[in-house]
């Protein structure tokens, strides 16, 4: 059995759109949540604050379509569905770690550049 996801696992993440993105806005965080093994939909909602169930469902469907996630439905009462990274999805660990490292090192400069650009655009 996998350990419960830490509800604060993304607390330290900047509240800006990631500068390096794979898939949709939530893909990297979903991959991080699934790194430890299969998870149920309700488990994924805990650390993914700000995501709606509709958006999570759409993100998981897109990831399944791309071959990054597998969905397994169990014929139980009540029904149970689990999501798990595929071998293709697991190949993203290294690129995502590199993207996270780059973002950590350069995020203040990136935010400053965005602010300067946006301020210049407002003056035009």
PDB file of N, CA and C in Angstrom:
ATOM      1  N   UNK A   1       0.842  -1.180   0.000  1.00  0.00           N
ATOM      2  CA  UNK A   1       0.000   0.000   0.000  1.00  0.00           C
ATOM      3  C   UNK A   1       0.890   1.247   0.000  1.00  0.00           C
ATOM      4  N   UNK A   2       0.517   2.203  -0.793  1.00  0.00           N
ATOM      5  CA  UNK A   2       1.295   3.431  -0.873  1.00  0.00           C
ATOM      6  C   UNK A   2       0.942   4.360   0.283  1.00  0.00           C
ATOM      7  N   UNK A   3       1.910   5.180   0.649  1.00  0.00           N
ATOM      8  CA  UNK A   3       1.690   6.147   1.719  1.00  0.00           C
ATOM      9  C   UNK A   3       0.783   7.255   1.201  1.00  0.00           C
ATOM     10  N   UNK A   4      -0.004   7.863   2.087  1.00  0.00           N
ATOM     11  CA  UNK A   4      -0.859   8.971   1.638  1.00  0.00           C
ATOM     12  C   UNK A   4      -0.013  10.119   1.091  1.00  0.00           C
ATOM     13  N   UNK A   5      -0.584  10.829   0.133  1.00  0.00           N
ATOM     14  CA  UNK A   5       0.108  11.983  -0.425  1.00  0.00           C
ATOM     15  C   UNK A   5       0.130  13.111   0.594  1.00  0.00           C
ATOM     16  N   UNK A   6       1.226  13.829   0.634  1.00  0.00           N
ATOM     17  CA  UNK A   6       1.357  14.976   1.522  1.00  0.00           C
ATOM     18  C   UNK A   6       0.492  16.102   0.968  1.00  0.00           C
ATOM     19  N   UNK A   7      -0.484  16.577   1.735  1.00  0.00           N
ATOM     20  CA  UNK A   7      -1.338  17.645   1.218  1.00  0.00           C
ATOM     21  C   UNK A   7      -0.570  18.936   0.935  1.00  0.00           C
ATOM     22  N   UNK A   8       0.618  19.079   1.518  1.00  0.00           N
ATOM     23  CA  UNK A   8       1.420  20.282   1.318  1.00  0.00           C
ATOM     24  C   UNK A   8       2.596  20.071   0.365  1.00  0.00           C
ATOM     25  N   UNK A   9       2.567  19.007  -0.432  1.00  0.00           N
ATOM     26  CA  UNK A   9       3.728  18.689  -1.264  1.00  0.00           C
ATOM     27  C   UNK A   9       4.054  19.763  -2.303  1.00  0.00           C
ATOM     28  N   UNK A  10       3.090  20.616  -2.637  1.00  0.00           N
ATOM     29  CA  UNK A  10       3.345  21.665  -3.613  1.00  0.00           C
ATOM     30  C   UNK A  10       3.304  23.057  -3.002  1.00  0.00           C
ATOM     31  N   UNK A  11       3.323  23.141  -1.679  1.00  0.00           N
ATOM     32  CA  UNK A  11       3.246  24.435  -1.001  1.00  0.00           C
ATOM     33  C   UNK A  11       4.397  25.353  -1.403  1.00  0.00           C
ATOM     34  N   UNK A  12       5.581  24.831  -1.581  1.00  0.00           N
ATOM     35  CA  UNK A  12       6.738  25.649  -1.924  1.00  0.00           C
ATOM     36  C   UNK A  12       6.801  26.068  -3.382  1.00  0.00           C
ATOM     37  N   UNK A  13       5.888  25.580  -4.193  1.00  0.00           N
ATOM     38  CA  UNK A  13       5.902  25.919  -5.613  1.00  0.00           C
ATOM     39  C   UNK A  13       5.376  27.337  -5.827  1.00  0.00           C
ATOM     40  N   UNK A  14       6.022  28.043  -6.724  1.00  0.00           N
ATOM     41  CA  UNK A  14       5.590  29.409  -7.030  1.00  0.00           C
ATOM     42  C   UNK A  14       4.216  29.376  -7.701  1.00  0.00           C
ATOM     43  N   UNK A  15       3.389  30.347  -7.377  1.00  0.00           N
ATOM     44  CA  UNK A  15       2.038  30.374  -7.949  1.00  0.00           C
ATOM     45  C   UNK A  15       1.997  30.984  -9.354  1.00  0.00           C
ATOM     46  N   UNK A  16       2.960  30.625 -10.171  1.00  0.00           N
ATOM     47  CA  UNK A  16       3.000  31.100 -11.554  1.00  0.00           C
ATOM     48  C   UNK A  16       2.979  29.903 -12.485  1.00  0.00           C
ATOM     49  N   UNK A  17       2.568  30.154 -13.706  1.00  0.00           N
ATOM     50  CA  UNK A  17       2.570  29.082 -14.707  1.00  0.00           C
ATOM     51  C   UNK A  17       4.017  28.626 -14.910  1.00  0.00           C
ATOM     52  N   UNK A  18       4.265  27.323 -14.918  1.00  0.00           N
ATOM     53  CA  UNK A  18       5.643  26.845 -15.074  1.00  0.00           C
ATOM     54  C   UNK A  18       6.237  27.310 -16.399  1.00  0.00           C
ATOM     55  N   UNK A  19       7.476  27.781 -16.372  1.00  0.00           N
ATOM     56  CA  UNK A  19       8.090  28.256 -17.608  1.00  0.00           C
ATOM     57  C   UNK A  19       8.395  27.123 -18.584  1.00  0.00           C
ATOM     58  N   UNK A  20       8.645  25.936 -18.043  1.00  0.00           N
ATOM     59  CA  UNK A  20       8.888  24.757 -18.873  1.00  0.00           C
ATOM     60  C   UNK A  20       7.747  23.797 -18.570  1.00  0.00           C
ATOM     61  N   UNK A  21       6.973  23.486 -19.587  1.00  0.00           N
ATOM     62  CA  UNK A  21       5.756  22.718 -19.354  1.00  0.00           C
ATOM     63  C   UNK A  21       5.696  21.501 -20.266  1.00  0.00           C
ATOM     64  N   UNK A  22       5.313  20.373 -19.691  1.00  0.00           N
ATOM     65  CA  UNK A  22       5.081  19.145 -20.449  1.00  0.00           C
ATOM     66  C   UNK A  22       3.598  18.852 -20.314  1.00  0.00           C
ATOM     67  N   UNK A  23       2.924  18.713 -21.435  1.00  0.00           N
ATOM     68  CA  UNK A  23       1.488  18.467 -21.374  1.00  0.00           C
ATOM     69  C   UNK A  23       0.754  19.713 -20.915  1.00  0.00           C
ATOM     70  N   UNK A  24      -0.287  19.512 -20.121  1.00  0.00           N
ATOM     71  CA  UNK A  24      -1.083  20.626 -19.620  1.00  0.00           C
ATOM     72  C   UNK A  24      -0.502  21.229 -18.363  1.00  0.00           C
ATOM     73  N   UNK A  25      -1.181  22.226 -17.866  1.00  0.00           N
ATOM     74  CA  UNK A  25      -0.735  22.970 -16.690  1.00  0.00           C
ATOM     75  C   UNK A  25      -0.477  22.066 -15.482  1.00  0.00           C
ATOM     76  N   UNK A  26      -1.267  21.023 -15.323  1.00  0.00           N
ATOM     77  CA  UNK A  26      -1.205  20.169 -14.139  1.00  0.00           C
ATOM     78  C   UNK A  26      -0.402  18.890 -14.339  1.00  0.00           C
ATOM     79  N   UNK A  27       0.054  18.602 -15.543  1.00  0.00           N
ATOM     80  CA  UNK A  27       0.700  17.324 -15.859  1.00  0.00           C
ATOM     81  C   UNK A  27       1.880  17.010 -14.943  1.00  0.00           C
ATOM     82  N   UNK A  28       2.791  17.943 -14.764  1.00  0.00           N
ATOM     83  CA  UNK A  28       3.987  17.683 -13.950  1.00  0.00           C
ATOM     84  C   UNK A  28       3.615  17.362 -12.501  1.00  0.00           C
ATOM     85  N   UNK A  29       2.645  18.079 -11.965  1.00  0.00           N
ATOM     86  CA  UNK A  29       2.239  17.817 -10.576  1.00  0.00           C
ATOM     87  C   UNK A  29       1.530  16.470 -10.453  1.00  0.00           C
ATOM     88  N   UNK A  30       0.749  16.106 -11.441  1.00  0.00           N
ATOM     89  CA  UNK A  30       0.091  14.790 -11.419  1.00  0.00           C
ATOM     90  C   UNK A  30       1.153  13.692 -11.490  1.00  0.00           C
ATOM     91  N   UNK A  31       2.162  13.888 -12.337  1.00  0.00           N
ATOM     92  CA  UNK A  31       3.253  12.908 -12.420  1.00  0.00           C
ATOM     93  C   UNK A  31       3.928  12.771 -11.061  1.00  0.00           C
ATOM     94  N   UNK A  32       4.179  13.887 -10.389  1.00  0.00           N
ATOM     95  CA  UNK A  32       4.803  13.840  -9.057  1.00  0.00           C
ATOM     96  C   UNK A  32       3.923  13.069  -8.074  1.00  0.00           C
ATOM     97  N   UNK A  33       2.623  13.256  -8.161  1.00  0.00           N
ATOM     98  CA  UNK A  33       1.707  12.546  -7.266  1.00  0.00           C
ATOM     99  C   UNK A  33       1.690  11.045  -7.533  1.00  0.00           C
ATOM    100  N   UNK A  34       1.886  10.665  -8.779  1.00  0.00           N
ATOM    101  CA  UNK A  34       1.835   9.246  -9.156  1.00  0.00           C
ATOM    102  C   UNK A  34       3.200   8.554  -9.080  1.00  0.00           C
ATOM    103  N   UNK A  35       4.239   9.287  -8.731  1.00  0.00           N
ATOM    104  CA  UNK A  35       5.591   8.722  -8.704  1.00  0.00           C
ATOM    105  C   UNK A  35       5.714   7.549  -7.731  1.00  0.00           C
ATOM    106  N   UNK A  36       4.962   7.575  -6.641  1.00  0.00           N
ATOM    107  CA  UNK A  36       5.054   6.525  -5.634  1.00  0.00           C
ATOM    108  C   UNK A  36       4.169   5.323  -5.887  1.00  0.00           C
ATOM    109  N   UNK A  37       3.404   5.346  -6.961  1.00  0.00           N
ATOM    110  CA  UNK A  37       2.531   4.219  -7.268  1.00  0.00           C
ATOM    111  C   UNK A  37       1.123   4.673  -7.594  1.00  0.00           C
ATOM    112  N   UNK A  38       0.232   3.708  -7.809  1.00  0.00           N
ATOM    113  CA  UNK A  38      -1.128   4.030  -8.223  1.00  0.00           C
ATOM    114  C   UNK A  38      -1.869   4.858  -7.164  1.00  0.00           C
ATOM    115  N   UNK A  39      -2.748   5.716  -7.658  1.00  0.00           N
ATOM    116  CA  UNK A  39      -3.544   6.571  -6.773  1.00  0.00           C
ATOM    117  C   UNK A  39      -4.983   6.641  -7.274  1.00  0.00           C
ATOM    118  N   UNK A  40      -5.876   6.840  -6.329  1.00  0.00           N
ATOM    119  CA  UNK A  40      -7.274   7.059  -6.664  1.00  0.00           C
ATOM    120  C   UNK A  40      -7.484   8.544  -6.942  1.00  0.00           C
ATOM    121  N   UNK A  41      -8.537   8.842  -7.660  1.00  0.00           N
ATOM    122  CA  UNK A  41      -8.873  10.211  -8.038  1.00  0.00           C
ATOM    123  C   UNK A  41      -8.934  11.118  -6.809  1.00  0.00           C
ATOM    124  N   UNK A  42      -9.614  10.665  -5.768  1.00  0.00           N
ATOM    125  CA  UNK A  42      -9.770  11.490  -4.559  1.00  0.00           C
ATOM    126  C   UNK A  42      -8.432  11.745  -3.870  1.00  0.00           C
ATOM    127  N   UNK A  43      -7.499  10.806  -3.963  1.00  0.00           N
ATOM    128  CA  UNK A  43      -6.168  11.006  -3.385  1.00  0.00           C
ATOM    129  C   UNK A  43      -5.415  12.112  -4.126  1.00  0.00           C
ATOM    130  N   UNK A  44      -5.587  12.161  -5.444  1.00  0.00           N
ATOM    131  CA  UNK A  44      -4.891  13.156  -6.246  1.00  0.00           C
ATOM    132  C   UNK A  44      -5.383  14.568  -5.959  1.00  0.00           C
ATOM    133  N   UNK A  45      -6.647  14.694  -5.605  1.00  0.00           N
ATOM    134  CA  UNK A  45      -7.203  16.019  -5.326  1.00  0.00           C
ATOM    135  C   UNK A  45      -6.581  16.671  -4.090  1.00  0.00           C
ATOM    136  N   UNK A  46      -6.099  15.868  -3.137  1.00  0.00           N
ATOM    137  CA  UNK A  46      -5.609  16.410  -1.861  1.00  0.00           C
ATOM    138  C   UNK A  46      -4.456  17.399  -2.049  1.00  0.00           C
ATOM    139  N   UNK A  47      -3.338  17.024  -2.680  1.00  0.00           N
ATOM    140  CA  UNK A  47      -2.248  17.989  -2.812  1.00  0.00           C
ATOM    141  C   UNK A  47      -2.421  18.975  -3.979  1.00  0.00           C
ATOM    142  N   UNK A  48      -3.311  18.658  -4.899  1.00  0.00           N
ATOM    143  CA  UNK A  48      -3.482  19.510  -6.082  1.00  0.00           C
ATOM    144  C   UNK A  48      -4.496  20.620  -5.801  1.00  0.00           C
ATOM    145  N   UNK A  49      -4.187  21.417  -4.821  1.00  0.00           N
ATOM    146  CA  UNK A  49      -5.087  22.517  -4.463  1.00  0.00           C
ATOM    147  C   UNK A  49      -5.256  23.443  -5.664  1.00  0.00           C
ATOM    148  N   UNK A  50      -6.478  23.855  -5.879  1.00  0.00           N
ATOM    149  CA  UNK A  50      -6.736  24.766  -6.986  1.00  0.00           C
ATOM    150  C   UNK A  50      -7.243  24.065  -8.235  1.00  0.00           C
ATOM    151  N   UNK A  51      -7.127  22.757  -8.295  1.00  0.00           N
ATOM    152  CA  UNK A  51      -7.639  22.031  -9.455  1.00  0.00           C
ATOM    153  C   UNK A  51      -9.072  21.600  -9.152  1.00  0.00           C
ATOM    154  N   UNK A  52      -9.927  21.718 -10.129  1.00  0.00           N
ATOM    155  CA  UNK A  52     -11.300  21.254  -9.958  1.00  0.00           C
ATOM    156  C   UNK A  52     -11.375  19.787 -10.363  1.00  0.00           C
ATOM    157  N   UNK A  53     -12.359  19.057  -9.859  1.00  0.00           N
ATOM    158  CA  UNK A  53     -12.502  17.660 -10.296  1.00  0.00           C
ATOM    159  C   UNK A  53     -12.638  17.534 -11.815  1.00  0.00           C
ATOM    160  N   UNK A  54     -13.332  18.478 -12.429  1.00  0.00           N
ATOM    161  CA  UNK A  54     -13.506  18.450 -13.887  1.00  0.00           C
ATOM    162  C   UNK A  54     -12.153  18.594 -14.591  1.00  0.00           C
ATOM    163  N   UNK A  55     -11.318  19.504 -14.111  1.00  0.00           N
ATOM    164  CA  UNK A  55     -10.005  19.721 -14.715  1.00  0.00           C
ATOM    165  C   UNK A  55      -9.085  18.535 -14.469  1.00  0.00           C
ATOM    166  N   UNK A  56      -9.145  17.960 -13.263  1.00  0.00           N
ATOM    167  CA  UNK A  56      -8.332  16.773 -12.982  1.00  0.00           C
ATOM    168  C   UNK A  56      -8.737  15.625 -13.901  1.00  0.00           C
ATOM    169  N   UNK A  57     -10.036  15.417 -14.066  1.00  0.00           N
ATOM    170  CA  UNK A  57     -10.512  14.344 -14.950  1.00  0.00           C
ATOM    171  C   UNK A  57     -10.037  14.573 -16.384  1.00  0.00           C
ATOM    172  N   UNK A  58     -10.130  15.816 -16.850  1.00  0.00           N
ATOM    173  CA  UNK A  58      -9.691  16.133 -18.215  1.00  0.00           C
ATOM    174  C   UNK A  58      -8.173  15.938 -18.348  1.00  0.00           C
ATOM    175  N   UNK A  59      -7.420  16.331 -17.336  1.00  0.00           N
ATOM    176  CA  UNK A  59      -5.961  16.163 -17.370  1.00  0.00           C
ATOM    177  C   UNK A  59      -5.582  14.693 -17.401  1.00  0.00           C
ATOM    178  N   UNK A  60      -6.228  13.890 -16.574  1.00  0.00           N
ATOM    179  CA  UNK A  60      -5.943  12.453 -16.546  1.00  0.00           C
ATOM    180  C   UNK A  60      -6.317  11.791 -17.870  1.00  0.00           C
ATOM    181  N   UNK A  61      -7.444  12.200 -18.459  1.00  0.00           N
ATOM    182  CA  UNK A  61      -7.832  11.657 -19.774  1.00  0.00           C
ATOM    183  C   UNK A  61      -6.781  12.009 -20.832  1.00  0.00           C
ATOM    184  N   UNK A  62      -6.312  13.258 -20.818  1.00  0.00           N
ATOM    185  CA  UNK A  62      -5.300  13.677 -21.793  1.00  0.00           C
ATOM    186  C   UNK A  62      -4.002  12.906 -21.582  1.00  0.00           C
ATOM    187  N   UNK A  63      -3.626  12.702 -20.333  1.00  0.00           N
ATOM    188  CA  UNK A  63      -2.404  11.953 -20.039  1.00  0.00           C
ATOM    189  C   UNK A  63      -2.557  10.486 -20.439  1.00  0.00           C
ATOM    190  N   UNK A  64      -3.755   9.942 -20.265  1.00  0.00           N
ATOM    191  CA  UNK A  64      -4.014   8.562 -20.685  1.00  0.00           C
ATOM    192  C   UNK A  64      -3.921   8.463 -22.213  1.00  0.00           C
ATOM    193  N   UNK A  65      -4.484   9.432 -22.892  1.00  0.00           N
ATOM    194  CA  UNK A  65      -4.435   9.466 -24.360  1.00  0.00           C
ATOM    195  C   UNK A  65      -3.004   9.536 -24.858  1.00  0.00           C
ATOM    196  N   UNK A  66      -2.156  10.294 -24.146  1.00  0.00           N
ATOM    197  CA  UNK A  66      -0.747  10.436 -24.524  1.00  0.00           C
ATOM    198  C   UNK A  66       0.104   9.241 -24.108  1.00  0.00           C
ATOM    199  N   UNK A  67      -0.498   8.283 -23.396  1.00  0.00           N
ATOM    200  CA  UNK A  67       0.238   7.094 -22.979  1.00  0.00           C
ATOM    201  C   UNK A  67       1.064   7.286 -21.721  1.00  0.00           C
ATOM    202  N   UNK A  68       0.817   8.363 -20.978  1.00  0.00           N
ATOM    203  CA  UNK A  68       1.590   8.648 -19.766  1.00  0.00           C
ATOM    204  C   UNK A  68       0.998   7.990 -18.525  1.00  0.00           C
ATOM    205  N   UNK A  69      -0.310   7.744 -18.554  1.00  0.00           N
ATOM    206  CA  UNK A  69      -1.039   7.224 -17.397  1.00  0.00           C
ATOM    207  C   UNK A  69      -1.935   6.077 -17.852  1.00  0.00           C
ATOM    208  N   UNK A  70      -2.050   5.082 -16.993  1.00  0.00           N
ATOM    209  CA  UNK A  70      -3.030   4.026 -17.248  1.00  0.00           C
ATOM    210  C   UNK A  70      -4.139   4.139 -16.204  1.00  0.00           C
ATOM    211  N   UNK A  71      -5.327   3.778 -16.611  1.00  0.00           N
ATOM    212  CA  UNK A  71      -6.503   3.833 -15.741  1.00  0.00           C
ATOM    213  C   UNK A  71      -7.014   2.411 -15.573  1.00  0.00           C
ATOM    214  N   UNK A  72      -7.166   1.995 -14.323  1.00  0.00           N
ATOM    215  CA  UNK A  72      -7.667   0.652 -14.044  1.00  0.00           C
ATOM    216  C   UNK A  72      -8.927   0.766 -13.207  1.00  0.00           C
ATOM    217  N   UNK A  73     -10.021   0.220 -13.736  1.00  0.00           N
ATOM    218  CA  UNK A  73     -11.295   0.213 -13.020  1.00  0.00           C
ATOM    219  C   UNK A  73     -11.499  -1.179 -12.433  1.00  0.00           C
ATOM    220  N   UNK A  74     -11.812  -1.234 -11.152  1.00  0.00           N
ATOM    221  CA  UNK A  74     -12.044  -2.494 -10.461  1.00  0.00           C
ATOM    222  C   UNK A  74     -13.540  -2.690 -10.259  1.00  0.00           C
ATOM    223  N   UNK A  75     -14.018  -3.896 -10.560  1.00  0.00           N
ATOM    224  CA  UNK A  75     -15.437  -4.200 -10.422  1.00  0.00           C
ATOM    225  C   UNK A  75     -15.742  -4.531  -8.967  1.00  0.00           C
ATOM    226  N   UNK A  76     -15.805  -3.512  -8.156  1.00  0.00           N
ATOM    227  CA  UNK A  76     -16.094  -3.650  -6.730  1.00  0.00           C
ATOM    228  C   UNK A  76     -17.283  -2.774  -6.391  1.00  0.00           C
ATOM    229  N   UNK A  77     -17.799  -2.975  -5.218  1.00  0.00           N
ATOM    230  CA  UNK A  77     -18.868  -2.105  -4.724  1.00  0.00           C
ATOM    231  C   UNK A  77     -18.367  -1.452  -3.456  1.00  0.00           C
ATOM    232  N   UNK A  78     -18.192  -0.156  -3.388  1.00  0.00           N
ATOM    233  CA  UNK A  78     -18.353   0.776  -4.505  1.00  0.00           C
ATOM    234  C   UNK A  78     -17.225   0.627  -5.523  1.00  0.00           C
ATOM    235  N   UNK A  79     -17.460   1.083  -6.753  1.00  0.00           N
ATOM    236  CA  UNK A  79     -16.444   0.966  -7.797  1.00  0.00           C
ATOM    237  C   UNK A  79     -15.167   1.706  -7.398  1.00  0.00           C
ATOM    238  N   UNK A  80     -14.037   1.172  -7.838  1.00  0.00           N
ATOM    239  CA  UNK A  80     -12.748   1.783  -7.523  1.00  0.00           C
ATOM    240  C   UNK A  80     -11.959   1.930  -8.822  1.00  0.00           C
ATOM    241  N   UNK A  81     -11.368   3.111  -9.001  1.00  0.00           N
ATOM    242  CA  UNK A  81     -10.541   3.388 -10.177  1.00  0.00           C
ATOM    243  C   UNK A  81      -9.202   3.913  -9.683  1.00  0.00           C
ATOM    244  N   UNK A  82      -8.131   3.410 -10.270  1.00  0.00           N
ATOM    245  CA  UNK A  82      -6.790   3.872  -9.924  1.00  0.00           C
ATOM    246  C   UNK A  82      -6.067   4.342 -11.183  1.00  0.00           C
ATOM    247  N   UNK A  83      -5.215   5.329 -10.985  1.00  0.00           N
ATOM    248  CA  UNK A  83      -4.379   5.865 -12.055  1.00  0.00           C
ATOM    249  C   UNK A  83      -2.933   5.575 -11.707  1.00  0.00           C
ATOM    250  N   UNK A  84      -2.167   5.195 -12.735  1.00  0.00           N
ATOM    251  CA  UNK A  84      -0.771   4.836 -12.514  1.00  0.00           C
ATOM    252  C   UNK A  84       0.054   5.308 -13.706  1.00  0.00           C
ATOM    253  N   UNK A  85       1.292   5.714 -13.428  1.00  0.00           N
ATOM    254  CA  UNK A  85       2.180   6.094 -14.522  1.00  0.00           C
ATOM    255  C   UNK A  85       2.553   4.865 -15.340  1.00  0.00           C
ATOM    256  N   UNK A  86       2.605   5.046 -16.635  1.00  0.00           N
ATOM    257  CA  UNK A  86       3.088   3.989 -17.521  1.00  0.00           C
ATOM    258  C   UNK A  86       4.613   4.091 -17.590  1.00  0.00           C
ATOM    259  N   UNK A  87       5.228   3.153 -18.274  1.00  0.00           N
ATOM    260  CA  UNK A  87       6.677   3.236 -18.439  1.00  0.00           C
ATOM    261  C   UNK A  87       7.050   4.503 -19.214  1.00  0.00           C
ATOM    262  N   UNK A  88       6.221   4.912 -20.164  1.00  0.00           N
ATOM    263  CA  UNK A  88       6.457   6.153 -20.893  1.00  0.00           C
ATOM    264  C   UNK A  88       6.351   7.354 -19.948  1.00  0.00           C
ATOM    265  N   UNK A  89       5.359   7.356 -19.080  1.00  0.00           N
ATOM    266  CA  UNK A  89       5.199   8.440 -18.113  1.00  0.00           C
ATOM    267  C   UNK A  89       6.390   8.547 -17.175  1.00  0.00           C
ATOM    268  N   UNK A  90       6.955   7.417 -16.805  1.00  0.00           N
ATOM    269  CA  UNK A  90       8.107   7.416 -15.893  1.00  0.00           C
ATOM    270  C   UNK A  90       9.368   7.978 -16.549  1.00  0.00           C
ATOM    271  N   UNK A  91       9.416   7.988 -17.878  1.00  0.00           N
ATOM    272  CA  UNK A  91      10.587   8.564 -18.554  1.00  0.00           C
ATOM    273  C   UNK A  91      10.648  10.081 -18.371  1.00  0.00           C
ATOM    274  N   UNK A  92       9.600  10.677 -17.859  1.00  0.00           N
ATOM    275  CA  UNK A  92       9.577  12.132 -17.671  1.00  0.00           C
ATOM    276  C   UNK A  92      10.191  12.581 -16.351  1.00  0.00           C
ATOM    277  N   UNK A  93      10.541  11.657 -15.461  1.00  0.00           N
ATOM    278  CA  UNK A  93      11.118  12.044 -14.171  1.00  0.00           C
ATOM    279  C   UNK A  93      12.372  12.911 -14.344  1.00  0.00           C
ATOM    280  N   UNK A  94      13.300  12.490 -15.178  1.00  0.00           N
ATOM    281  CA  UNK A  94      14.561  13.234 -15.349  1.00  0.00           C
ATOM    282  C   UNK A  94      14.336  14.598 -16.006  1.00  0.00           C
ATOM    283  N   UNK A  95      13.589  14.670 -17.121  1.00  0.00           N
ATOM    284  CA  UNK A  95      13.354  15.998 -17.706  1.00  0.00           C
ATOM    285  C   UNK A  95      12.615  16.943 -16.746  1.00  0.00           C
ATOM    286  N   UNK A  96      11.664  16.409 -15.997  1.00  0.00           N
ATOM    287  CA  UNK A  96      10.941  17.257 -15.044  1.00  0.00           C
ATOM    288  C   UNK A  96      11.844  17.710 -13.905  1.00  0.00           C
ATOM    289  N   UNK A  97      12.745  16.845 -13.451  1.00  0.00           N
ATOM    290  CA  UNK A  97      13.693  17.244 -12.407  1.00  0.00           C
ATOM    291  C   UNK A  97      14.602  18.355 -12.923  1.00  0.00           C
ATOM    292  N   UNK A  98      15.041  18.243 -14.181  1.00  0.00           N
ATOM    293  CA  UNK A  98      15.875  19.294 -14.770  1.00  0.00           C
ATOM    294  C   UNK A  98      15.091  20.600 -14.885  1.00  0.00           C
ATOM    295  N   UNK A  99      13.834  20.513 -15.300  1.00  0.00           N
ATOM    296  CA  UNK A  99      13.002  21.716 -15.414  1.00  0.00           C
ATOM    297  C   UNK A  99      12.781  22.352 -14.048  1.00  0.00           C
ATOM    298  N   UNK A 100      12.559  21.534 -13.030  1.00  0.00           N
ATOM    299  CA  UNK A 100      12.372  22.061 -11.664  1.00  0.00           C
ATOM    300  C   UNK A 100      13.647  22.731 -11.173  1.00  0.00           C
ATOM    301  N   UNK A 101      14.788  22.124 -11.449  1.00  0.00           N
ATOM    302  CA  UNK A 101      16.064  22.711 -11.040  1.00  0.00           C
ATOM    303  C   UNK A 101      16.302  24.053 -11.717  1.00  0.00           C
ATOM    304  N   UNK A 102      16.029  24.116 -13.021  1.00  0.00           N
ATOM    305  CA  UNK A 102      16.204  25.363 -13.747  1.00  0.00           C
ATOM    306  C   UNK A 102      15.259  26.429 -13.190  1.00  0.00           C
ATOM    307  N   UNK A 103      14.019  26.060 -12.954  1.00  0.00           N
ATOM    308  CA  UNK A 103      13.039  27.012 -12.437  1.00  0.00           C
ATOM    309  C   UNK A 103      13.451  27.520 -11.063  1.00  0.00           C
ATOM    310  N   UNK A 104      13.914  26.633 -10.198  1.00  0.00           N
ATOM    311  CA  UNK A 104      14.358  27.049  -8.863  1.00  0.00           C
ATOM    312  C   UNK A 104      15.504  28.052  -8.949  1.00  0.00           C
ATOM    313  N   UNK A 105      16.426  27.830  -9.878  1.00  0.00           N
ATOM    314  CA  UNK A 105      17.585  28.700 -10.004  1.00  0.00           C
ATOM    315  C   UNK A 105      17.261  30.048 -10.653  1.00  0.00           C
ATOM    316  N   UNK A 106      16.250  30.074 -11.498  1.00  0.00           N
ATOM    317  CA  UNK A 106      16.013  31.265 -12.308  1.00  0.00           C
ATOM    318  C   UNK A 106      14.642  31.918 -12.124  1.00  0.00           C
ATOM    319  N   UNK A 107      13.805  31.403 -11.252  1.00  0.00           N
ATOM    320  CA  UNK A 107      12.448  31.930 -11.125  1.00  0.00           C
ATOM    321  C   UNK A 107      12.404  33.421 -10.774  1.00  0.00           C
ATOM    322  N   UNK A 108      13.223  33.915  -9.847  1.00  0.00           N
ATOM    323  CA  UNK A 108      13.152  35.358  -9.562  1.00  0.00           C
ATOM    324  C   UNK A 108      13.426  36.222 -10.807  1.00  0.00           C
ATOM    325  N   UNK A 109      14.403  35.816 -11.619  1.00  0.00           N
ATOM    326  CA  UNK A 109      14.703  36.559 -12.843  1.00  0.00           C
ATOM    327  C   UNK A 109      13.544  36.467 -13.831  1.00  0.00           C
ATOM    328  N   UNK A 110      12.944  35.293 -13.909  1.00  0.00           N
ATOM    329  CA  UNK A 110      11.818  35.084 -14.812  1.00  0.00           C
ATOM    330  C   UNK A 110      10.637  35.960 -14.405  1.00  0.00           C
ATOM    331  N   UNK A 111      10.319  35.980 -13.122  1.00  0.00           N
ATOM    332  CA  UNK A 111       9.203  36.785 -12.631  1.00  0.00           C
ATOM    333  C   UNK A 111       9.478  38.270 -12.870  1.00  0.00           C
ATOM    334  N   UNK A 112      10.715  38.705 -12.624  1.00  0.00           N
ATOM    335  CA  UNK A 112      11.076  40.104 -12.864  1.00  0.00           C
ATOM    336  C   UNK A 112      10.950  40.453 -14.349  1.00  0.00           C
ATOM    337  N   UNK A 113      11.395  39.560 -15.222  1.00  0.00           N
ATOM    338  CA  UNK A 113      11.295  39.805 -16.662  1.00  0.00           C
ATOM    339  C   UNK A 113       9.835  39.897 -17.091  1.00  0.00           C
ATOM    340  N   UNK A 114       8.990  39.019 -16.566  1.00  0.00           N
ATOM    341  CA  UNK A 114       7.559  39.068 -16.894  1.00  0.00           C
ATOM    342  C   UNK A 114       6.941  40.382 -16.419  1.00  0.00           C
ATOM    343  N   UNK A 115       7.282  40.790 -15.206  1.00  0.00           N
ATOM    344  CA  UNK A 115       6.734  42.032 -14.646  1.00  0.00           C
ATOM    345  C   UNK A 115       7.174  43.236 -15.487  1.00  0.00           C
ATOM    346  N   UNK A 116       8.460  43.268 -15.858  1.00  0.00           N
ATOM    347  CA  UNK A 116       8.975  44.372 -16.668  1.00  0.00           C
ATOM    348  C   UNK A 116       8.288  44.391 -18.025  1.00  0.00           C
ATOM    349  N   UNK A 117       8.115  43.255 -18.620  1.00  0.00           N
ATOM    350  CA  UNK A 117       7.443  43.168 -19.919  1.00  0.00           C
ATOM    351  C   UNK A 117       6.001  43.645 -19.810  1.00  0.00           C
ATOM    352  N   UNK A 118       5.302  43.145 -18.797  1.00  0.00           N
ATOM    353  CA  UNK A 118       3.902  43.516 -18.615  1.00  0.00           C
ATOM    354  C   UNK A 118       3.764  45.014 -18.329  1.00  0.00           C
ATOM    355  N   UNK A 119       4.685  45.590 -17.551  1.00  0.00           N
ATOM    356  CA  UNK A 119       4.638  47.023 -17.260  1.00  0.00           C
ATOM    357  C   UNK A 119       4.864  47.826 -18.537  1.00  0.00           C
ATOM    358  N   UNK A 120       5.791  47.367 -19.376  1.00  0.00           N
ATOM    359  CA  UNK A 120       6.040  48.040 -20.662  1.00  0.00           C
ATOM    360  C   UNK A 120       4.854  47.945 -21.589  1.00  0.00           C
ATOM    361  N   UNK A 121       4.167  46.813 -21.557  1.00  0.00           N
ATOM    362  CA  UNK A 121       2.994  46.618 -22.405  1.00  0.00           C
ATOM    363  C   UNK A 121       1.852  47.540 -21.966  1.00  0.00           C
ATOM    364  N   UNK A 122       1.761  47.788 -20.650  1.00  0.00           N
ATOM    365  CA  UNK A 122       0.703  48.662 -20.134  1.00  0.00           C
ATOM    366  C   UNK A 122       0.950  50.108 -20.531  1.00  0.00           C
ATOM    367  N   UNK A 123       2.212  50.515 -20.702  1.00  0.00           N
ATOM    368  CA  UNK A 123       2.542  51.881 -21.065  1.00  0.00           C
ATOM    369  C   UNK A 123       2.276  52.171 -22.532  1.00  0.00           C
ATOM    370  N   UNK A 124       2.226  51.126 -23.343  1.00  0.00           N
ATOM    371  CA  UNK A 124       2.039  51.308 -24.784  1.00  0.00           C
ATOM    372  C   UNK A 124       0.648  51.753 -25.126  1.00  0.00           C
TER     373      UNK A 124
END
